[in-house]
C-alpha atoms as a PDB file:
ATOM      1  CA  MET A   1     -31.479 -24.062   1.732  1.00  0.00           C
ATOM      2  CA  GLU A   2     -27.744 -22.877   0.526  1.00  0.00           C
ATOM      3  CA  HIS A   3     -26.503 -21.724  -2.049  1.00  0.00           C
ATOM      4  CA  HIS A   4     -22.357 -22.146  -2.987  1.00  0.00           C
ATOM      5  CA  TYR A   5     -20.970 -19.727  -4.799  1.00  0.00           C
ATOM      6  CA  GLU A   6     -17.261 -20.751  -5.685  1.00  0.00           C
ATOM      7  CA  LEU A   7     -14.572 -17.974  -8.240  1.00  0.00           C
ATOM      8  CA  GLY A   8     -10.897 -18.140  -8.949  1.00  0.00           C
ATOM      9  CA  ILE A   9      -9.059 -14.532  -8.379  1.00  0.00           C
ATOM     10  CA  THR A  10      -5.678 -14.658  -9.718  1.00  0.00           C
ATOM     11  CA  TRP A  11      -3.529 -11.329  -9.000  1.00  0.00           C
ATOM     12  CA  GLN A  12      -1.607 -10.074 -12.407  1.00  0.00           C
ATOM     13  CA  GLY A  13       0.733  -6.795 -10.768  1.00  0.00           C
ATOM     14  CA  ASN A  14       4.267  -8.370 -10.154  1.00  0.00           C
ATOM     15  CA  ARG A  15       6.653  -6.224 -12.352  1.00  0.00           C
ATOM     16  CA  GLY A  16       9.468  -8.465 -10.990  1.00  0.00           C
ATOM     17  CA  THR A  17      10.395  -7.377  -8.021  1.00  0.00           C
ATOM     18  CA  GLY A  18       6.496  -8.046  -6.620  1.00  0.00           C
ATOM     19  CA  THR A  19       5.417  -6.895  -3.273  1.00  0.00           C
ATOM     20  CA  SER A  20       9.685  -4.950  -2.483  1.00  0.00           C
ATOM     21  CA  GLY A  21       7.362  -1.552  -2.289  1.00  0.00           C
ATOM     22  CA  TYR A  22       3.709   0.248  -2.228  1.00  0.00           C
ATOM     23  CA  ARG A  23       4.352   1.522  -6.221  1.00  0.00           C
ATOM     24  CA  ASP A  24       6.478  -1.715  -7.343  1.00  0.00           C
ATOM     25  CA  TYR A  25       3.647  -3.331  -7.825  1.00  0.00           C
ATOM     26  CA  ALA A  26      -0.099  -3.438 -10.013  1.00  0.00           C
ATOM     27  CA  ARG A  27      -3.257  -3.763  -8.444  1.00  0.00           C
ATOM     28  CA  ASP A  28      -4.605  -6.148 -11.897  1.00  0.00           C
ATOM     29  CA  VAL A  29      -6.123  -8.518 -11.321  1.00  0.00           C
ATOM     30  CA  VAL A  30      -8.820 -11.645 -12.705  1.00  0.00           C
ATOM     31  CA  LEU A  31     -11.631 -13.253 -11.900  1.00  0.00           C
ATOM     32  CA  ARG A  32     -13.057 -16.241 -13.135  1.00  0.00           C
ATOM     33  CA  ALA A  33     -15.823 -18.170 -12.774  1.00  0.00           C
ATOM     34  CA  SER A  34     -16.822 -21.517 -14.189  1.00  0.00           C
ATOM     35  CA  GLY A  35     -18.190 -20.955 -17.949  1.00  0.00           C
ATOM     36  CA  LYS A  36     -18.551 -17.100 -17.581  1.00  0.00           C
ATOM     37  CA  PRO A  37     -15.683 -14.839 -19.184  1.00  0.00           C
ATOM     38  CA  GLU A  38     -12.970 -13.597 -17.019  1.00  0.00           C
ATOM     39  CA  LEU A  39     -13.229 -10.287 -15.538  1.00  0.00           C
ATOM     40  CA  ALA A  40     -10.162  -7.416 -15.126  1.00  0.00           C
ATOM     41  CA  GLY A  41     -10.342  -6.212 -12.476  1.00  0.00           C
ATOM     42  CA  SER A  42      -7.923  -3.434 -10.417  1.00  0.00           C
ATOM     43  CA  ALA A  43      -7.888  -1.025  -7.363  1.00  0.00           C
ATOM     44  CA  ASP A  44      -9.714   1.972  -7.563  1.00  0.00           C
ATOM     45  CA  PRO A  45      -7.669   4.601  -9.240  1.00  0.00           C
ATOM     46  CA  THR A  46      -6.845   6.405  -6.126  1.00  0.00           C
ATOM     47  CA  PHE A  47      -5.151   3.755  -4.963  1.00  0.00           C
ATOM     48  CA  ARG A  48      -3.106   2.955  -7.669  1.00  0.00           C
ATOM     49  CA  GLY A  49      -5.270   0.784  -9.669  1.00  0.00           C
ATOM     50  CA  ASP A  50      -5.924   0.584 -13.160  1.00  0.00           C
ATOM     51  CA  ALA A  51      -8.643   2.947 -14.169  1.00  0.00           C
ATOM     52  CA  SER A  52      -9.397   0.803 -17.098  1.00  0.00           C
ATOM     53  CA  ARG A  53     -10.005  -2.235 -15.045  1.00  0.00           C
ATOM     54  CA  TRP A  54     -13.544  -3.077 -12.496  1.00  0.00           C
ATOM     55  CA  ASN A  55     -12.361  -1.979  -9.111  1.00  0.00           C
ATOM     56  CA  PRO A  56     -14.425  -3.653  -5.537  1.00  0.00           C
ATOM     57  CA  GLU A  57     -16.116  -0.933  -4.719  1.00  0.00           C
ATOM     58  CA  GLU A  58     -17.839  -0.718  -8.565  1.00  0.00           C
ATOM     59  CA  LEU A  59     -18.463  -4.308  -7.873  1.00  0.00           C
ATOM     60  CA  LEU A  60     -19.936  -3.895  -4.726  1.00  0.00           C
ATOM     61  CA  LEU A  61     -22.185  -1.190  -6.601  1.00  0.00           C
ATOM     62  CA  ALA A  62     -22.834  -3.029  -9.243  1.00  0.00           C
ATOM     63  CA  ALA A  63     -24.150  -6.687  -7.288  1.00  0.00           C
ATOM     64  CA  LEU A  64     -26.668  -4.502  -5.318  1.00  0.00           C
ATOM     65  CA  ALA A  65     -27.915  -2.856  -8.470  1.00  0.00           C
ATOM     66  CA  GLN A  66     -28.516  -6.165 -10.099  1.00  0.00           C
ATOM     67  CA  CYS A  67     -29.810  -7.953  -7.316  1.00  0.00           C
ATOM     68  CA  HIS A  68     -31.956  -5.465  -6.752  1.00  0.00           C
ATOM     69  CA  LEU A  69     -33.029  -5.776 -10.462  1.00  0.00           C
ATOM     70  CA  LEU A  70     -33.658  -9.189 -10.653  1.00  0.00           C
ATOM     71  CA  SER A  71     -35.832  -8.606  -7.437  1.00  0.00           C
ATOM     72  CA  TYR A  72     -37.509  -6.138  -8.633  1.00  0.00           C
ATOM     73  CA  LEU A  73     -38.712  -7.871 -11.649  1.00  0.00           C
ATOM     74  CA  HIS A  74     -39.741 -11.482  -9.584  1.00  0.00           C
ATOM     75  CA  SER A  75     -41.989  -8.603  -7.737  1.00  0.00           C
ATOM     76  CA  ALA A  76     -43.051  -6.869 -10.689  1.00  0.00           C
ATOM     77  CA  VAL A  77     -44.376 -10.311 -12.057  1.00  0.00           C
ATOM     78  CA  ASN A  78     -46.196 -11.391  -9.001  1.00  0.00           C
ATOM     79  CA  HIS A  79     -48.027  -8.051  -8.328  1.00  0.00           C
ATOM     80  CA  GLY A  80     -49.092  -8.175 -12.555  1.00  0.00           C
ATOM     81  CA  VAL A  81     -46.391  -4.915 -13.172  1.00  0.00           C
ATOM     82  CA  VAL A  82     -45.384  -5.112 -17.495  1.00  0.00           C
ATOM     83  CA  VAL A  83     -41.618  -3.897 -16.910  1.00  0.00           C
ATOM     84  CA  THR A  84     -40.930  -2.421 -19.948  1.00  0.00           C
ATOM     85  CA  ALA A  85     -37.314  -0.994 -19.099  1.00  0.00           C
ATOM     86  CA  TYR A  86     -34.979  -0.628 -16.086  1.00  0.00           C
ATOM     87  CA  ASP A  87     -32.133   0.896 -15.735  1.00  0.00           C
ATOM     88  CA  ASP A  88     -30.008   1.787 -12.664  1.00  0.00           C
ATOM     89  CA  THR A  89     -27.040   4.776 -11.562  1.00  0.00           C
ATOM     90  CA  PRO A  90     -26.266   3.519  -7.980  1.00  0.00           C
ATOM     91  CA  VAL A  91     -24.056   6.226  -6.081  1.00  0.00           C
ATOM     92  CA  GLY A  92     -22.197   4.499  -3.129  1.00  0.00           C
ATOM     93  CA  THR A  93     -20.292   6.632  -0.267  1.00  0.00           C
ATOM     94  CA  MET A  94     -16.992   4.728   1.121  1.00  0.00           C
ATOM     95  CA  GLU A  95     -14.724   6.712   4.104  1.00  0.00           C
ATOM     96  CA  GLN A  96     -11.886   5.755   4.313  1.00  0.00           C
ATOM     97  CA  VAL A  97     -10.390   5.378   7.742  1.00  0.00           C
ATOM     98  CA  GLY A  98      -6.429   5.012   8.053  1.00  0.00           C
ATOM     99  CA  GLN A  99      -5.431   2.479   5.871  1.00  0.00           C
ATOM    100  CA  GLY A 100      -9.010   0.676   6.109  1.00  0.00           C
ATOM    101  CA  GLY A 101     -12.449   2.081   5.660  1.00  0.00           C
ATOM    102  CA  ARG A 102     -15.941   1.152   4.737  1.00  0.00           C
ATOM    103  CA  PHE A 103     -19.028   1.709   2.503  1.00  0.00           C
ATOM    104  CA  THR A 104     -21.328   3.327   4.678  1.00  0.00           C
ATOM    105  CA  SER A 105     -24.333   3.770   2.436  1.00  0.00           C
ATOM    106  CA  VAL A 106     -25.644   3.254  -0.682  1.00  0.00           C
ATOM    107  CA  ALA A 107     -28.459   4.879  -2.574  1.00  0.00           C
ATOM    108  CA  LEU A 108     -29.919   3.437  -5.740  1.00  0.00           C
ATOM    109  CA  ARG A 109     -31.789   5.137  -8.110  1.00  0.00           C
ATOM    110  CA  PRO A 110     -34.048   2.949 -11.132  1.00  0.00           C
ATOM    111  CA  ARG A 111     -35.751   4.224 -13.375  1.00  0.00           C
ATOM    112  CA  VAL A 112     -38.543   1.853 -14.275  1.00  0.00           C
ATOM    113  CA  VAL A 113     -40.443   1.700 -17.842  1.00  0.00           C
ATOM    114  CA  VAL A 114     -44.373   0.430 -16.907  1.00  0.00           C
ATOM    115  CA  ALA A 115     -46.943  -0.813 -19.334  1.00  0.00           C
ATOM    116  CA  SER A 116     -49.676   1.043 -18.580  1.00  0.00           C
ATOM    117  CA  PRO A 117     -50.837   4.212 -16.261  1.00  0.00           C
ATOM    118  CA  ASP A 118     -52.352   2.298 -13.797  1.00  0.00           C
ATOM    119  CA  GLN A 119     -49.309   0.251 -12.978  1.00  0.00           C
ATOM    120  CA  VAL A 120     -46.564   2.806 -11.490  1.00  0.00           C
ATOM    121  CA  GLU A 121     -48.576   3.438  -8.183  1.00  0.00           C
ATOM    122  CA  THR A 122     -48.035  -0.339  -7.530  1.00  0.00           C
ATOM    123  CA  ALA A 123     -44.396  -0.069  -9.265  1.00  0.00           C
ATOM    124  CA  LEU A 124     -43.053   2.670  -6.903  1.00  0.00           C
ATOM    125  CA  ALA A 125     -44.403   0.303  -3.953  1.00  0.00           C
ATOM    126  CA  ILE A 126     -42.729  -2.413  -4.698  1.00  0.00           C
ATOM    127  CA  HIS A 127     -39.227  -1.254  -4.949  1.00  0.00           C
ATOM    128  CA  ARG A 128     -39.752  -1.775  -0.736  1.00  0.00           C
ATOM    129  CA  GLU A 129     -40.111  -5.349  -1.306  1.00  0.00           C
ATOM    130  CA  ALA A 130     -37.503  -6.112  -4.080  1.00  0.00           C
ATOM    131  CA  SER A 131     -35.522  -4.619  -1.836  1.00  0.00           C
ATOM    132  CA  GLU A 132     -36.245  -6.639   1.219  1.00  0.00           C
ATOM    133  CA  ASN A 133     -35.602  -9.824  -0.884  1.00  0.00           C
ATOM    134  CA  CYS A 134     -32.390  -8.772  -2.262  1.00  0.00           C
ATOM    135  CA  PHE A 135     -29.927 -11.120  -1.232  1.00  0.00           C
ATOM    136  CA  ILE A 136     -27.270  -8.829  -1.392  1.00  0.00           C
ATOM    137  CA  ALA A 137     -28.348  -6.176   0.031  1.00  0.00           C
ATOM    138  CA  ALA A 138     -29.358  -7.875   2.689  1.00  0.00           C
ATOM    139  CA  SER A 139     -26.159  -9.185   3.647  1.00  0.00           C
ATOM    140  CA  VAL A 140     -24.540  -5.775   3.914  1.00  0.00           C
ATOM    141  CA  ASN A 141     -24.186  -3.585   7.085  1.00  0.00           C
ATOM    142  CA  PHE A 142     -24.974   0.315   5.446  1.00  0.00           C
ATOM    143  CA  PRO A 143     -27.927   1.534   4.543  1.00  0.00           C
ATOM    144  CA  VAL A 144     -28.933   0.910   0.346  1.00  0.00           C
ATOM    145  CA  THR A 145     -31.841   3.417   0.034  1.00  0.00           C
ATOM    146  CA  HIS A 146     -33.658   3.409  -3.093  1.00  0.00           C
ATOM    147  CA  GLU A 147     -34.699   7.035  -5.541  1.00  0.00           C
ATOM    148  CA  PRO A 148     -37.024   5.119  -7.958  1.00  0.00           C
ATOM    149  CA  THR A 149     -38.567   7.110 -10.929  1.00  0.00           C
ATOM    150  CA  VAL A 150     -41.446   5.231 -12.528  1.00  0.00           C
ATOM    151  CA  VAL A 151     -43.123   5.929 -15.994  1.00  0.00           C
ATOM    152  CA  ALA A 152     -45.814   4.541 -18.292  1.00  0.00           C
ATOM    153  CA  SER A 153     -45.034   4.077 -21.727  1.00  0.00           C
ATOM    154  CA  PRO A 154     -44.764   5.336 -24.402  1.00  0.00           C
ATOM    155  CA  VAL A 155     -42.827   7.883 -21.861  1.00  0.00           C
ATOM    156  CA  ASP A 156     -39.153   8.078 -22.504  1.00  0.00           C
ATOM    157  CA  LEU A 157     -36.593   8.307 -19.461  1.00  0.00           C
ATOM    158  CA  GLY A 158     -34.947   9.714 -21.633  1.00  0.00           C
END
């Protein structure tokens, strides 16, 4: 089965002279998808972007983390694990080569709270299954690793 996705992206960075010089234009964009709020994007500040807007590198990390989260919750249900909280602080490494470059790795660092201590071992194990079922992780050409922490309620992840 195929799924199709569509969005619109509009550059908002023309300061009056277009791309007449590297410093003469802003990297600001707006992303739009039907029925969703607009998303303000730009380049990473290293590449003359606006730090207050999402950059493509952050969006890639967000896509990987969210995809893993959603796959993980599905796996948890399938294995009888009751997840009561989940957060993640992913980190990615990108290398620049000339004017281009690529991501070399992403580490997801999910912190999960489950309802019972007897679910902790299974909750840790299903991160692998979730990774295998994540469409986004399966679509990238660099390693996506996992450094999960799982505790049972009512322990605070703090």
